[in-house]
């Protein structure tokens, strides 16, 4: 994992959302252990997937606003290349 050199304004928001998603995922695990209805489990999994995707969107926007903007201003192409790779993996 690379070290960031720019401020990220959404860190607390991201951590809170990830914590909520992790808690929700634990609740889904319990649902499965209890033999709850598969449809209900799938609906809850979809909710967690959506929450994680939304966290990714927040991170992408924050990164673009701070790190990528700084890289463009300074002419540093390496962060742009890493960002493109990250986006490709995120969207798989």
Protein backbone atom coordinates (compact mmCIF):
# COMPACT_ATOMS: atom_id res chain seq x y z
CA UNK A 1 0.00 0.00 0.00
CA UNK A 2 1.45 3.36 -0.95
CA UNK A 3 1.68 6.31 1.35
CA UNK A 4 -0.51 9.29 0.49
CA UNK A 5 0.86 12.80 0.60
CA UNK A 6 -2.37 14.73 0.28
CA UNK A 7 -5.22 15.48 2.67
CA UNK A 8 -8.35 13.39 2.38
CA UNK A 9 -11.46 15.14 3.65
CA UNK A 10 -13.72 12.06 3.69
CA UNK A 11 -11.61 9.71 5.83
CA UNK A 12 -13.94 9.72 8.86
CA UNK A 13 -17.00 9.28 6.62
CA UNK A 14 -15.35 6.37 4.79
CA UNK A 15 -14.32 4.64 8.03
CA UNK A 16 -17.83 5.02 9.47
CA UNK A 17 -19.44 3.61 6.32
CA UNK A 18 -17.03 0.67 6.18
CA UNK A 19 -17.74 -0.09 9.85
CA UNK A 20 -21.49 -0.07 9.19
CA UNK A 21 -21.07 -2.35 6.16
CA UNK A 22 -18.89 -4.74 8.19
CA UNK A 23 -21.52 -4.87 10.92
CA UNK A 24 -24.23 -5.48 8.36
CA UNK A 25 -22.16 -8.28 6.81
CA UNK A 26 -21.80 -9.90 10.24
CA UNK A 27 -25.60 -9.75 10.61
CA UNK A 28 -25.94 -11.48 7.23
CA UNK A 29 -23.52 -14.18 8.35
CA UNK A 30 -25.77 -14.77 11.37
CA UNK A 31 -28.80 -14.94 9.06
CA UNK A 32 -27.10 -17.69 7.06
CA UNK A 33 -26.09 -19.56 10.22
CA UNK A 34 -29.71 -19.41 11.39
CA UNK A 35 -30.97 -20.74 8.08
CA UNK A 36 -32.95 -17.62 7.21
CA UNK A 37 -34.72 -17.29 3.86
CA UNK A 38 -32.26 -17.16 0.94
CA UNK A 39 -34.18 -14.29 -0.68
CA UNK A 40 -33.80 -12.20 2.47
CA UNK A 41 -30.07 -12.99 2.59
CA UNK A 42 -29.62 -12.00 -1.05
CA UNK A 43 -31.45 -8.72 -0.50
CA UNK A 44 -29.19 -7.92 2.45
CA UNK A 45 -26.09 -8.87 0.44
CA UNK A 46 -27.22 -6.47 -2.28
CA UNK A 47 -27.52 -3.73 0.34
CA UNK A 48 -23.95 -4.38 1.55
CA UNK A 49 -22.64 -4.44 -2.01
CA UNK A 50 -24.35 -1.10 -2.67
CA UNK A 51 -22.89 0.37 0.52
CA UNK A 52 -19.39 -0.76 -0.45
CA UNK A 53 -19.79 0.65 -3.95
CA UNK A 54 -20.87 3.97 -2.44
CA UNK A 55 -17.78 4.00 -0.22
CA UNK A 56 -15.71 3.43 -3.35
CA UNK A 57 -17.40 6.40 -5.04
CA UNK A 58 -16.59 8.63 -2.07
CA UNK A 59 -12.96 7.50 -2.10
CA UNK A 60 -12.72 8.03 -5.87
CA UNK A 61 -14.17 11.55 -5.64
CA UNK A 62 -11.95 12.47 -2.69
CA UNK A 63 -8.89 11.11 -4.47
CA UNK A 64 -9.71 13.00 -7.66
CA UNK A 65 -10.31 16.23 -5.79
CA UNK A 66 -7.07 16.11 -3.84
CA UNK A 67 -4.43 13.70 -5.13
CA UNK A 68 -5.21 13.74 -8.82
CA UNK A 69 -5.72 17.50 -8.93
CA UNK A 70 -2.31 17.96 -7.28
CA UNK A 71 -0.71 15.47 -9.69
CA UNK A 72 -2.14 17.28 -12.72
CA UNK A 73 -0.97 20.66 -11.40
CA UNK A 74 2.54 19.32 -10.80
CA UNK A 75 2.70 17.31 -14.04
CA UNK A 76 3.26 14.05 -12.14
CA UNK A 77 1.85 11.22 -14.28
CA UNK A 78 2.60 8.33 -11.92
CA UNK A 79 -0.40 8.99 -9.62
CA UNK A 80 -2.61 9.20 -12.72
CA UNK A 81 -1.37 5.81 -13.95
CA UNK A 82 -1.93 4.23 -10.51
CA UNK A 83 -5.38 5.82 -10.34
CA UNK A 84 -6.34 4.38 -13.74
CA UNK A 85 -5.25 0.93 -12.56
CA UNK A 86 -7.26 1.32 -9.35
CA UNK A 87 -10.38 2.39 -11.25
CA UNK A 88 -10.07 -0.60 -13.60
CA UNK A 89 -9.84 -3.00 -10.63
CA UNK A 90 -12.67 -1.26 -8.75
CA UNK A 91 -14.99 -1.53 -11.74
CA UNK A 92 -14.35 -5.26 -12.39
